[in-house]
Protein backbone atom coordinates (compact mmCIF):
# COMPACT_ATOMS: atom_id res chain seq x y z
CA MET A 1 155.78 132.37 93.43
CA GLN A 2 152.67 129.95 92.49
CA ARG A 3 153.46 127.73 90.06
CA LYS A 4 150.64 127.39 87.20
CA PRO A 5 149.44 123.68 86.89
CA LYS A 6 149.84 122.68 83.40
CA SER A 7 147.27 121.08 81.33
CA TYR A 8 147.11 118.06 79.37
CA SER A 9 147.03 118.17 76.14
CA SER A 10 144.78 117.29 73.24
CA SER A 11 145.97 114.06 71.49
CA LEU A 12 146.46 113.09 75.60
CA MET A 13 142.35 113.56 76.20
CA ASP A 14 142.07 111.63 72.82
CA GLN A 15 143.09 109.04 73.38
CA ILE A 16 141.13 108.72 76.83
CA PRO A 17 137.63 106.84 75.85
CA ILE A 18 135.82 109.45 78.16
CA LYS A 19 132.23 108.08 77.42
CA PHE A 20 132.97 104.52 77.59
CA LEU A 21 134.19 105.28 81.24
CA ILE A 22 131.24 107.43 82.22
CA ARG A 23 129.71 104.60 81.10
CA GLN A 24 131.31 102.05 83.21
CA ALA A 25 131.42 104.41 86.16
CA GLN A 26 127.14 104.58 85.69
CA GLY A 27 127.43 100.99 86.04
CA LEU A 28 129.44 100.92 89.20
CA GLN A 29 127.65 104.02 91.64
CA GLN A 30 127.14 101.91 94.36
CA GLU A 31 131.35 100.74 94.41
CA LEU A 32 132.17 104.27 93.02
CA GLY A 33 130.28 106.22 95.48
CA GLY A 34 129.92 110.01 93.98
CA LEU A 35 132.34 109.96 91.50
CA HIS A 36 130.01 109.34 88.65
CA SER A 37 128.12 112.62 89.32
CA ALA A 38 131.89 114.24 89.46
CA LEU A 39 132.66 112.75 86.56
CA LEU A 40 129.24 114.25 84.73
CA ARG A 41 130.07 117.64 86.17
CA LEU A 42 133.62 117.83 84.37
CA LEU A 43 131.89 116.56 81.30
CA ALA A 44 128.92 118.80 81.27
CA THR A 45 131.30 121.59 81.85
CA ASN A 46 134.76 120.58 79.16
CA TYR A 47 133.27 118.28 76.90
CA PRO A 48 129.03 119.74 76.04
CA HIS A 49 129.24 117.88 72.75
CA LEU A 50 129.32 114.58 74.54
CA CYS A 51 126.38 115.63 76.41
CA ILE A 52 123.95 115.72 73.81
CA VAL A 53 120.26 114.85 74.84
CA ASP A 54 119.03 112.74 71.60
CA ASP A 55 122.42 110.42 72.82
CA TRP A 56 121.74 109.87 76.27
CA ILE A 57 118.00 109.10 74.83
CA CYS A 58 119.43 106.56 72.95
CA GLU A 59 122.16 105.41 74.83
CA GLU A 60 119.26 104.53 77.04
CA GLU A 61 117.27 102.58 74.57
CA ILE A 62 121.14 100.54 74.12
CA THR A 63 121.33 99.61 77.48
CA GLY A 64 117.05 99.21 78.06
CA THR A 65 115.24 95.95 78.58
CA ASP A 66 114.69 95.48 74.93
CA ALA A 67 118.73 95.82 74.10
CA LEU A 68 118.77 92.54 77.08
CA LEU A 69 115.80 90.47 75.17
CA ARG A 70 117.79 91.10 71.68
CA ARG A 71 120.77 89.53 73.19
CA MET A 72 119.59 86.39 74.69
CA LEU A 73 118.28 85.82 71.23
CA LEU A 74 122.01 86.56 69.92
CA THR A 75 123.33 82.98 67.76
CA ASN A 76 126.83 81.15 67.33
CA ASN A 77 127.07 83.50 63.80
CA ALA A 78 126.99 86.55 64.87
CA LYS A 79 129.81 86.50 67.43
CA ASN A 80 132.36 84.56 64.89
CA HIS A 81 131.87 87.28 62.15
CA SER A 82 134.89 89.11 62.06
CA PRO A 83 136.01 92.93 61.19
CA GLU A 84 137.85 91.09 58.22
CA GLN A 85 135.05 89.05 57.38
CA LEU A 86 132.85 92.22 56.68
CA GLN A 87 134.91 93.95 54.41
CA GLU A 88 134.53 91.49 52.47
CA ALA A 89 131.00 91.70 52.82
CA PHE A 90 131.21 95.30 52.21
CA SER A 91 133.49 94.69 48.84
CA ALA A 92 130.69 92.68 46.92
CA VAL A 93 128.15 95.11 47.35
CA PRO A 94 128.12 96.59 43.70
CA VAL A 95 127.60 92.63 43.23
CA SER A 96 125.51 91.05 45.62
CA HIS A 97 123.46 92.75 49.03
CA THR A 98 122.96 89.44 50.77
CA GLN A 99 125.93 88.90 52.65
CA VAL A 100 126.60 92.01 54.07
CA MET A 101 123.30 92.48 54.95
CA GLN A 102 123.14 89.21 56.91
CA ILE A 103 126.43 90.63 58.96
CA LEU A 104 124.86 93.85 59.91
CA GLU A 105 122.04 92.06 61.26
CA HIS A 106 123.67 89.84 63.15
CA LEU A 107 126.06 93.15 64.89
CA THR A 108 122.99 94.58 65.56
CA LEU A 109 122.33 91.96 68.57
CA LEU A 110 125.66 92.52 69.65
CA SER A 111 126.90 95.33 72.53
CA ALA A 112 128.41 98.58 71.99
CA SER A 113 131.46 97.55 73.51
CA GLU A 114 131.08 94.41 71.61
CA LEU A 115 130.87 96.73 67.90
CA ILE A 116 134.46 98.73 68.69
CA PRO A 117 136.39 96.32 66.59
CA TYR A 118 133.97 96.55 63.65
CA ALA A 119 133.67 100.66 63.72
CA GLU A 120 136.38 101.34 61.39
CA VAL A 121 134.94 98.65 58.84
CA LEU A 122 131.38 100.03 59.12
CA THR A 123 133.10 103.91 58.66
CA SER A 124 135.81 102.92 55.54
CA ASN A 125 133.06 101.96 53.31
CA MET A 126 130.21 104.13 53.98
CA ASN A 127 131.36 105.81 50.69
CA GLN A 128 130.19 102.84 49.08
CA LEU A 129 127.10 103.09 50.73
CA LEU A 130 126.26 106.33 48.54
CA ASN A 131 126.26 104.50 45.04
CA ALA A 132 122.83 103.93 43.16
CA GLY A 133 121.15 100.79 44.04
CA VAL A 134 122.00 99.99 47.69
CA PRO A 135 119.35 98.66 49.79
CA ARG A 136 117.68 101.55 51.81
CA ARG A 137 117.56 98.74 54.96
CA ILE A 138 121.69 98.30 54.65
CA LEU A 139 122.07 102.33 55.10
CA GLN A 140 119.72 102.40 58.22
CA THR A 141 121.45 99.16 59.56
CA VAL A 142 124.68 101.12 59.22
CA ASN A 143 123.06 104.13 60.97
CA LYS A 144 121.53 102.42 63.60
CA LEU A 145 125.20 100.47 64.73
CA TRP A 146 126.46 104.02 63.89
CA MET A 147 124.59 105.08 66.33
CA VAL A 148 124.94 102.17 69.12
CA LEU A 149 128.73 102.96 68.23
CA ASN A 150 128.35 106.31 68.97
CA THR A 151 127.73 105.69 72.89
CA VAL A 152 131.03 104.29 73.53
CA MET A 153 133.37 106.09 71.47
CA PRO A 154 131.85 108.78 69.72
CA ARG A 155 134.87 111.32 69.05
CA ARG A 156 137.07 108.58 67.57
CA LEU A 157 133.86 107.75 65.13
CA TRP A 158 133.20 110.94 64.09
CA VAL A 159 136.78 111.23 62.90
CA MET A 160 136.81 108.12 61.09
CA THR A 161 133.38 109.09 59.55
CA VAL A 162 134.20 113.06 58.65
CA ASN A 163 137.38 111.10 56.74
CA ALA A 164 135.62 108.25 54.94
CA LEU A 165 132.53 110.38 53.71
CA GLN A 166 134.79 113.34 52.03
CA PRO A 167 134.67 113.12 48.26
CA SER A 168 136.86 111.15 45.96
CA ILE A 169 138.66 113.12 43.39
CA LYS A 170 140.91 111.71 40.97
CA PHE A 171 144.11 112.33 41.09
CA VAL A 172 143.57 114.02 44.48
CA ARG A 173 144.88 113.24 47.92
CA GLN A 174 142.33 113.32 50.55
CA GLN A 175 143.42 114.92 53.55
CA LYS A 176 142.65 113.34 56.78
CA TYR A 177 141.32 115.45 59.53
CA THR A 178 141.89 115.12 63.06
CA GLN A 179 139.80 116.21 66.11
CA ASN A 180 141.30 119.65 66.42
CA ASP A 181 140.71 120.23 62.99
CA LEU A 182 137.25 119.48 63.37
CA MET A 183 137.00 121.46 66.90
CA ILE A 184 138.34 125.02 64.89
CA ASP A 185 136.87 124.30 61.65
CA PRO A 186 133.04 122.42 62.32
CA LEU A 187 132.14 123.70 58.97
CA ILE A 188 134.70 120.35 57.23
CA VAL A 189 131.79 118.05 58.40
CA LEU A 190 129.82 119.98 55.44
CA ARG A 191 132.42 119.20 53.38
CA CYS A 192 131.38 115.49 52.45
CA ASP A 193 130.33 113.96 49.20
CA GLN A 194 127.27 115.99 47.89
CA ARG A 195 125.75 112.25 47.68
CA VAL A 196 125.48 112.77 51.06
CA HIS A 197 122.91 115.43 51.10
CA ARG A 198 119.99 113.15 49.11
CA CYS A 199 120.95 109.64 51.60
CA PRO A 200 118.62 110.45 54.64
CA PRO A 201 120.26 108.03 56.99
CA LEU A 202 123.30 109.16 56.15
CA MET A 203 122.85 113.05 56.24
CA ASP A 204 121.34 111.92 59.96
CA ILE A 205 124.85 110.94 60.74
CA THR A 206 126.36 113.78 59.23
CA LEU A 207 124.25 116.14 60.89
CA HIS A 208 124.49 114.84 64.32
CA MET A 209 128.48 115.55 63.85
CA LEU A 210 127.66 118.44 62.58
CA ASN A 211 125.75 119.28 66.08
CA GLY A 212 128.76 117.98 68.30
CA TYR A 213 131.17 119.61 66.94
CA LEU A 214 129.64 123.12 67.03
CA LEU A 215 129.27 122.49 70.38
CA ALA A 216 132.91 121.36 70.92
CA SER A 217 134.14 124.30 69.13
CA LYS A 218 132.09 126.60 71.61
CA ALA A 219 134.26 124.61 74.66
CA TYR A 220 137.73 124.55 72.53
CA LEU A 221 137.67 128.37 71.73
CA SER A 222 136.48 129.04 75.84
CA ALA A 223 139.39 126.75 76.95
CA HIS A 224 141.93 128.60 74.43
CA LEU A 225 140.35 132.24 75.46
CA LYS A 226 141.26 131.17 79.05
CA GLU A 227 144.75 129.29 78.55
CA THR A 228 145.63 132.62 76.27
CA ALA A 229 144.41 134.90 79.36
CA GLU A 230 146.40 133.60 81.85
CA GLN A 231 149.56 133.87 79.85
CA ASP A 232 148.92 137.11 78.40
CA ARG A 233 147.67 138.80 81.75
CA PRO A 234 151.16 139.67 83.33
CA SER A 235 152.59 141.30 80.43
CA GLN A 236 149.55 143.97 79.85
CA ASN A 237 150.34 144.68 83.48
CA ASN A 238 153.55 145.14 82.95
CA THR A 239 153.32 147.16 79.67
CA LEU A 240 150.44 148.92 80.82
CA GLY A 241 151.04 150.28 84.33
CA LEU A 242 147.23 150.62 84.80
CA ILE A 243 144.97 148.02 86.69
CA GLY A 244 142.19 149.71 84.72
CA GLN A 245 143.00 149.22 81.76
CA THR A 246 144.00 145.41 81.70
CA ASP A 247 140.14 144.84 81.28
CA GLY A 248 139.69 146.10 77.81
CA PRO A 249 141.69 143.83 76.00
CA GLU A 250 139.64 140.74 77.14
CA VAL A 251 136.23 142.11 76.64
CA THR A 252 137.69 142.17 73.17
CA ARG A 253 139.06 138.74 73.04
CA GLU A 254 135.49 137.71 74.65
CA GLU A 255 133.55 139.41 71.91
CA LEU A 256 135.93 138.65 69.54
CA LYS A 257 135.34 134.57 69.91
CA ASN A 258 131.46 135.43 69.82
CA ALA A 259 131.41 137.28 66.83
CA LEU A 260 133.68 134.17 65.36
CA LEU A 261 131.17 131.68 66.74
CA ALA A 262 128.10 133.08 65.55
CA ALA A 263 129.44 133.92 61.97
CA GLN A 264 129.93 129.85 62.23
CA ASP A 265 127.01 128.84 63.42
CA SER A 266 125.23 130.95 60.73
CA ALA A 267 127.39 130.03 58.21
CA ALA A 268 126.18 125.99 59.43
CA VAL A 269 122.50 127.14 59.02
CA GLN A 270 123.34 128.80 54.79
CA ILE A 271 124.41 125.30 54.14
CA LEU A 272 122.43 123.48 55.47
CA LEU A 273 119.51 125.65 53.59
CA GLU A 274 121.28 125.68 50.44
CA ILE A 275 121.29 121.97 50.42
CA CYS A 276 117.73 121.92 51.15
CA LEU A 277 116.91 123.70 47.79
CA PRO A 278 116.09 121.07 45.31
CA THR A 279 119.04 120.47 41.94
CA GLU A 280 117.82 121.10 38.66
CA GLU A 281 116.61 117.42 38.28
CA GLU A 282 114.92 117.19 41.45
CA LYS A 283 112.92 120.23 39.42
CA ALA A 284 112.55 118.40 35.97
CA LYS A 285 110.79 115.88 38.65
CA SER A 286 108.42 118.68 40.44
CA VAL A 287 109.97 118.29 43.78
CA ASN A 288 108.32 121.27 45.22
CA PRO A 289 109.91 122.62 48.43
CA ASP A 290 106.75 124.60 49.51
CA SER A 291 104.61 121.68 49.40
CA LEU A 292 104.94 121.11 52.77
CA LEU A 293 103.92 124.48 53.81
CA ARG A 294 100.87 123.44 50.91
CA ASN A 295 100.20 119.50 52.79
CA VAL A 296 100.22 121.64 56.51
CA GLN A 297 97.73 124.56 55.32
CA SER A 298 94.92 121.88 53.48
CA VAL A 299 95.05 119.56 56.91
CA ILE A 300 94.13 123.24 58.52
CA THR A 301 91.82 124.23 56.26
CA THR A 302 89.93 121.43 54.57
CA SER A 303 89.25 117.80 55.88
CA THR A 304 89.43 116.70 52.84
CA PRO A 305 92.80 116.20 50.62
CA ASN A 306 93.05 117.98 47.27
CA LYS A 307 92.14 115.73 44.24
CA GLY A 308 93.37 118.42 41.76
CA ARG A 309 96.93 118.18 42.29
CA GLY A 310 99.50 115.42 40.81
CA GLU A 311 100.54 112.93 42.18
CA GLY A 312 104.44 114.08 42.56
CA GLU A 313 103.55 117.51 44.14
CA ASP A 314 102.28 115.96 47.28
CA ASN A 315 104.29 112.67 47.10
CA LEU A 316 106.53 113.15 50.67
CA LEU A 317 108.40 109.33 50.12
CA CYS A 318 111.25 111.16 49.02
CA ASN A 319 114.90 111.57 50.23
CA LEU A 320 114.68 115.19 49.22
CA ARG A 321 111.77 115.91 51.91
CA GLU A 322 112.93 113.72 54.15
CA VAL A 323 116.25 115.30 54.56
CA GLN A 324 114.38 118.43 54.20
CA CYS A 325 112.61 117.41 57.48
CA LEU A 326 116.05 116.32 59.73
CA ILE A 327 117.45 119.46 58.36
CA CYS A 328 114.94 121.74 59.99
CA CYS A 329 115.39 119.21 63.35
CA LEU A 330 118.25 120.19 63.62
CA LEU A 331 117.87 123.86 62.99
CA HIS A 332 114.78 124.03 65.30
CA GLN A 333 117.27 123.27 68.30
CA MET A 334 119.50 125.42 67.00
CA TYR A 335 117.11 128.38 66.94
CA ILE A 336 115.95 126.94 70.88
CA ALA A 337 120.00 127.04 72.19
CA ASP A 338 120.39 130.72 70.99
CA PRO A 339 117.70 132.59 69.31
CA ASN A 340 120.29 135.30 68.04
CA ILE A 341 120.89 132.89 65.64
CA ALA A 342 117.60 132.71 63.95
CA LYS A 343 117.62 136.57 63.92
CA LEU A 344 121.58 136.46 62.13
CA VAL A 345 120.46 134.31 59.63
CA HIS A 346 117.45 136.14 58.65
CA PHE A 347 119.09 139.18 58.50
CA GLN A 348 121.57 137.46 56.32
CA GLY A 349 118.33 136.47 54.31
CA TYR A 350 117.84 133.23 52.40
CA PRO A 351 115.91 132.39 48.97
CA CYS A 352 112.69 133.16 49.47
CA GLU A 353 111.78 130.17 47.79
CA LEU A 354 112.72 128.30 51.01
CA LEU A 355 109.83 130.39 53.12
CA PRO A 356 106.74 127.58 53.30
CA LEU A 357 109.91 124.94 54.44
CA THR A 358 111.70 126.51 57.23
CA VAL A 359 108.07 128.30 58.14
CA ALA A 360 106.10 125.17 58.18
CA GLY A 361 108.56 123.02 59.34
CA ILE A 362 110.79 124.95 62.06
CA PRO A 363 108.63 125.13 65.20
CA SER A 364 110.61 127.83 66.94
CA MET A 365 110.23 130.20 63.79
CA HIS A 366 107.09 132.27 65.57
CA ILE A 367 110.05 133.93 67.06
CA CYS A 368 110.86 135.71 63.98
CA LEU A 369 107.79 137.94 65.04
CA ASP A 370 110.39 139.54 67.72
CA PHE A 371 112.40 140.89 65.09
CA ILE A 372 110.43 141.61 61.79
CA PRO A 373 109.64 145.37 62.50
CA GLU A 374 113.32 146.01 63.03
CA LEU A 375 113.89 143.76 59.36
CA ILE A 376 111.30 145.75 57.33
CA ALA A 377 113.54 149.06 59.23
CA GLN A 378 116.40 148.13 57.74
CA PRO A 379 117.51 151.00 54.52
CA GLU A 380 118.63 147.80 52.30
CA LEU A 381 115.36 146.77 50.01
CA GLU A 382 115.86 143.12 49.85
CA LYS A 383 115.34 143.27 53.18
CA GLN A 384 112.44 144.33 53.26
CA ILE A 385 111.24 142.54 51.06
CA PHE A 386 112.21 139.17 52.28
CA ALA A 387 110.78 140.63 56.14
CA ILE A 388 107.43 141.09 54.20
CA GLN A 389 107.65 138.32 52.48
CA LEU A 390 108.33 136.15 55.53
CA LEU A 391 105.83 137.80 57.62
CA SER A 392 103.08 136.20 55.29
CA HIS A 393 103.55 132.92 55.77
CA LEU A 394 104.08 133.21 59.39
CA CYS A 395 100.74 134.94 59.94
CA ILE A 396 99.50 131.74 57.78
CA GLN A 397 101.10 129.70 59.89
CA TYR A 398 100.71 131.82 63.76
CA ALA A 399 97.49 133.72 63.32
CA LEU A 400 98.02 135.73 66.68
CA PRO A 401 97.48 138.90 67.79
CA LYS A 402 101.26 139.80 67.56
CA SER A 403 101.29 138.36 63.98
CA LEU A 404 98.47 140.52 63.09
CA SER A 405 100.03 143.84 64.90
CA VAL A 406 103.19 143.68 62.56
CA ALA A 407 101.24 142.80 59.55
CA ARG A 408 99.60 145.78 60.10
CA LEU A 409 102.61 147.70 60.45
CA ALA A 410 103.95 145.77 57.53
CA VAL A 411 101.16 147.35 55.63
CA ASN A 412 101.66 151.29 57.08
CA VAL A 413 105.17 150.88 55.81
CA MET A 414 104.26 149.25 52.56
CA GLY A 415 102.37 152.97 52.77
CA THR A 416 104.77 154.65 53.29
CA LEU A 417 107.54 153.35 50.93
CA LEU A 418 105.15 154.55 47.86
CA THR A 419 105.17 157.92 48.32
CA VAL A 420 109.00 157.78 48.50
CA LEU A 421 110.36 155.05 45.98
CA THR A 422 111.51 155.96 42.74
CA GLN A 423 109.55 154.27 39.23
CA ALA A 424 112.45 151.44 39.49
CA LYS A 425 112.48 150.61 43.27
CA ARG A 426 108.60 150.95 43.21
CA TYR A 427 108.50 148.08 40.47
CA ALA A 428 111.22 145.55 42.48
CA PHE A 429 109.97 146.47 45.82
CA PHE A 430 105.99 145.76 44.86
CA MET A 431 105.81 143.03 42.50
CA PRO A 432 107.55 140.83 44.95
CA THR A 433 105.75 142.02 47.64
CA LEU A 434 101.99 142.17 46.26
CA PRO A 435 101.27 138.71 46.83
CA SER A 436 102.17 138.56 50.40
CA LEU A 437 99.31 141.32 50.74
CA VAL A 438 96.50 138.07 49.68
CA SER A 439 97.81 136.31 52.68
CA PHE A 440 97.49 138.65 55.25
CA CYS A 441 93.53 139.35 53.80
CA ARG A 442 93.28 135.29 54.89
CA ALA A 443 94.95 135.29 57.61
CA PHE A 444 93.44 138.91 58.92
CA PRO A 445 90.31 139.79 57.21
CA PRO A 446 90.36 142.88 59.62
CA LEU A 447 92.97 144.28 57.23
CA TYR A 448 90.88 144.00 54.10
CA GLU A 449 89.89 147.40 53.66
CA ASP A 450 93.30 148.87 54.19
CA ILE A 451 94.91 146.42 52.29
CA MET A 452 92.82 147.52 49.11
CA SER A 453 92.71 151.18 49.84
CA LEU A 454 96.54 151.04 49.73
CA LEU A 455 96.09 148.54 46.01
CA ILE A 456 94.12 151.43 44.97
CA GLN A 457 97.25 154.16 45.46
CA ILE A 458 99.56 152.16 44.29
CA GLY A 459 97.26 152.02 41.12
CA GLN A 460 96.93 155.59 40.95
CA VAL A 461 100.29 156.27 41.60
CA CYS A 462 101.29 154.14 38.90
CA ALA A 463 98.96 155.28 36.47
CA SER A 464 99.94 159.80 37.19
CA ASP A 465 103.65 158.64 36.11
CA VAL A 466 102.47 156.89 32.95
CA ALA A 467 101.59 160.01 31.15
CA THR A 468 101.69 158.87 27.65
CA GLN A 469 99.96 155.44 28.12
CA THR A 470 97.43 157.37 29.83
CA ARG A 471 94.94 155.44 27.86
CA ASP A 472 95.90 151.79 28.69
CA ILE A 473 95.66 152.64 32.18
CA ASP A 474 92.72 154.70 33.41
CA PRO A 475 90.29 151.68 33.16
CA ILE A 476 92.27 149.60 34.87
CA ILE A 477 91.94 152.33 37.91
CA THR A 478 88.31 152.74 36.87
CA ARG A 479 87.64 149.00 37.43
CA LEU A 480 90.09 148.82 40.32
CA GLN A 481 87.26 151.63 41.80
CA GLN A 482 84.69 149.43 41.20
CA ILE A 483 85.98 146.47 42.46
CA LYS A 484 86.31 147.99 45.69
CA GLU A 485 83.05 149.37 45.68
CA LYS A 486 80.91 146.28 44.33
CA PRO A 487 83.62 143.28 45.46
CA SER A 488 80.74 140.51 44.93
CA GLY A 489 80.14 141.81 41.30
CA TRP A 490 83.91 140.71 40.14
CA SER A 491 83.87 137.01 42.54
CA GLY A 492 85.21 134.09 40.04
CA ILE A 493 86.68 135.67 37.08
CA TYR A 494 89.87 135.69 38.25
CA LYS A 495 90.57 133.03 36.26
CA ASP A 496 89.56 134.66 33.29
CA LEU A 497 91.14 137.72 33.88
CA SER A 498 94.91 135.71 34.82
CA TYR A 499 94.33 134.00 31.70
CA LYS A 500 93.97 137.09 29.53
CA ASN A 501 97.26 139.13 31.33
CA GLY A 502 99.11 135.95 31.14
CA SER A 503 98.67 136.31 27.58
CA ARG A 504 100.19 139.56 27.04
CA ASP A 505 103.83 140.60 26.14
CA THR A 506 104.76 141.47 30.06
CA GLY A 507 108.27 142.13 28.78
CA SER A 508 107.45 144.92 26.45
CA MET A 509 105.49 146.52 28.66
CA ASP A 510 105.97 149.96 31.38
CA PRO A 511 106.94 148.58 34.66
CA ASP A 512 104.43 150.63 35.50
CA VAL A 513 101.86 148.80 33.54
CA GLN A 514 103.16 145.42 34.75
CA LEU A 515 102.20 146.56 38.08
CA CYS A 516 98.73 147.74 37.97
CA HIS A 517 98.20 144.64 36.60
CA CYS A 518 99.30 142.81 39.23
CA ILE A 519 97.30 144.74 41.01
CA GLU A 520 94.30 144.39 39.35
CA SER A 521 95.35 140.00 39.69
CA THR A 522 95.57 141.15 43.27
CA ILE A 523 92.70 142.36 44.41
CA ILE A 524 90.78 140.08 42.38
CA GLU A 525 92.85 137.33 44.07
CA ILE A 526 91.59 138.43 47.38
CA ILE A 527 87.40 139.02 46.58
CA ASN A 528 87.79 135.19 45.63
CA MET A 529 90.03 134.37 48.33
CA SER A 530 86.98 136.14 50.34
CA VAL A 531 84.13 134.97 48.57
CA SER A 532 84.98 131.32 48.59
CA GLY A 533 86.43 131.61 52.51
CA ILE A 534 89.77 129.60 51.40
């Protein structure tokens, strides 16, 4: 009987400095022969979170010529700074930043292996850097030193950092997580202090760890599945007695693993998208999440900036904008690595306020055009609304033939829903989707006739359902017909019309009356857009 080979425990593997040994083998390839390539193959198979491309690029920068020139400038003062002195400097941060800044600058001249004794002091004091008044230069230097340490001791560094960035709650003892805890539940990384979400240098570190632990979790579950499958196979053969039935449970276990990983990835994406939403305080400062899309569109449509906007709206030099860009970069990598994550996230839905940000900030969002027809076909009204709003932003960003065909499909679906929806559902569906028709016309002028006909049909259906307010509705329908027949005579009046409509008490209006006024405003906006060419 063949004995099953024993595997090393996870606690033992955690003690082995794998990345450090790989770097040593890389520098001694001639002496070690083909050992380095074999180690890389094992690393990519069993520890994919240690093979992140960004880490290899960062490692090349650290071990390159520039790093060698910097070390030539190394003074004796840099070598004399001990971890105890660094701890004292961090303790004095609330009073003075000079000493800690000098020590950190000297530490940047050290090699990665020489920085290892300072790792615990750096990570344990990260929570102090979240206080107000800490200079940005200190945060960026800590980020730089962390990335250098990440090339030699990533796993231990991640655990120390996650534990250091936990929220500090009075009278509550902080839990110390282990490497195994973080591989089983990577979302622990995002349970950090809320102030990290508005500190870009530390948020960059958090996203780096999250990406690594998501990859580590996949490898951990795959290895666990193989180990338990080997243990369960003899018992299955004895109990079932049929060879053909032994594959059934294995398929189910694989599907359960994939479902768990998909839920894990989508939960991480949803949490990151929620972080992108501005807080109440940021809303009071006029920080608008869709300003990124408008800035991109202004570059595309005109060569001169729009001087009519306020400084706060166009100001991109804020922590929220930088965090949004970091998150969009990570989401782009996740969508490219597995497009099914993008499909799952958009079928789940997220706040429509984030659509301008995600479409403009995530370059891979164009893959959503593949499944938007399926999303529109869902029976839930909320998903249909979300699909049309998403499509309107995609059409502006990607005015492609494929976008045109999907937009035409959306207009046809809206016309079909008009005939089957009740009054309440009709109001709930068309009020948020009518502005999307303006985007369709802006991106694809050939849809103008179909969209205008759809708007007239919606107005006629609303008018027919309001028998008691016919006098109020009939003039609107008449105006809509005149606007469609002679659009040139109605250009330029949208501002006056919106002022009149805005002055009305829409809360006391019938839903169909409100919808008719919204239709009229939409038509005028389309006409003004087509006349002005913007």
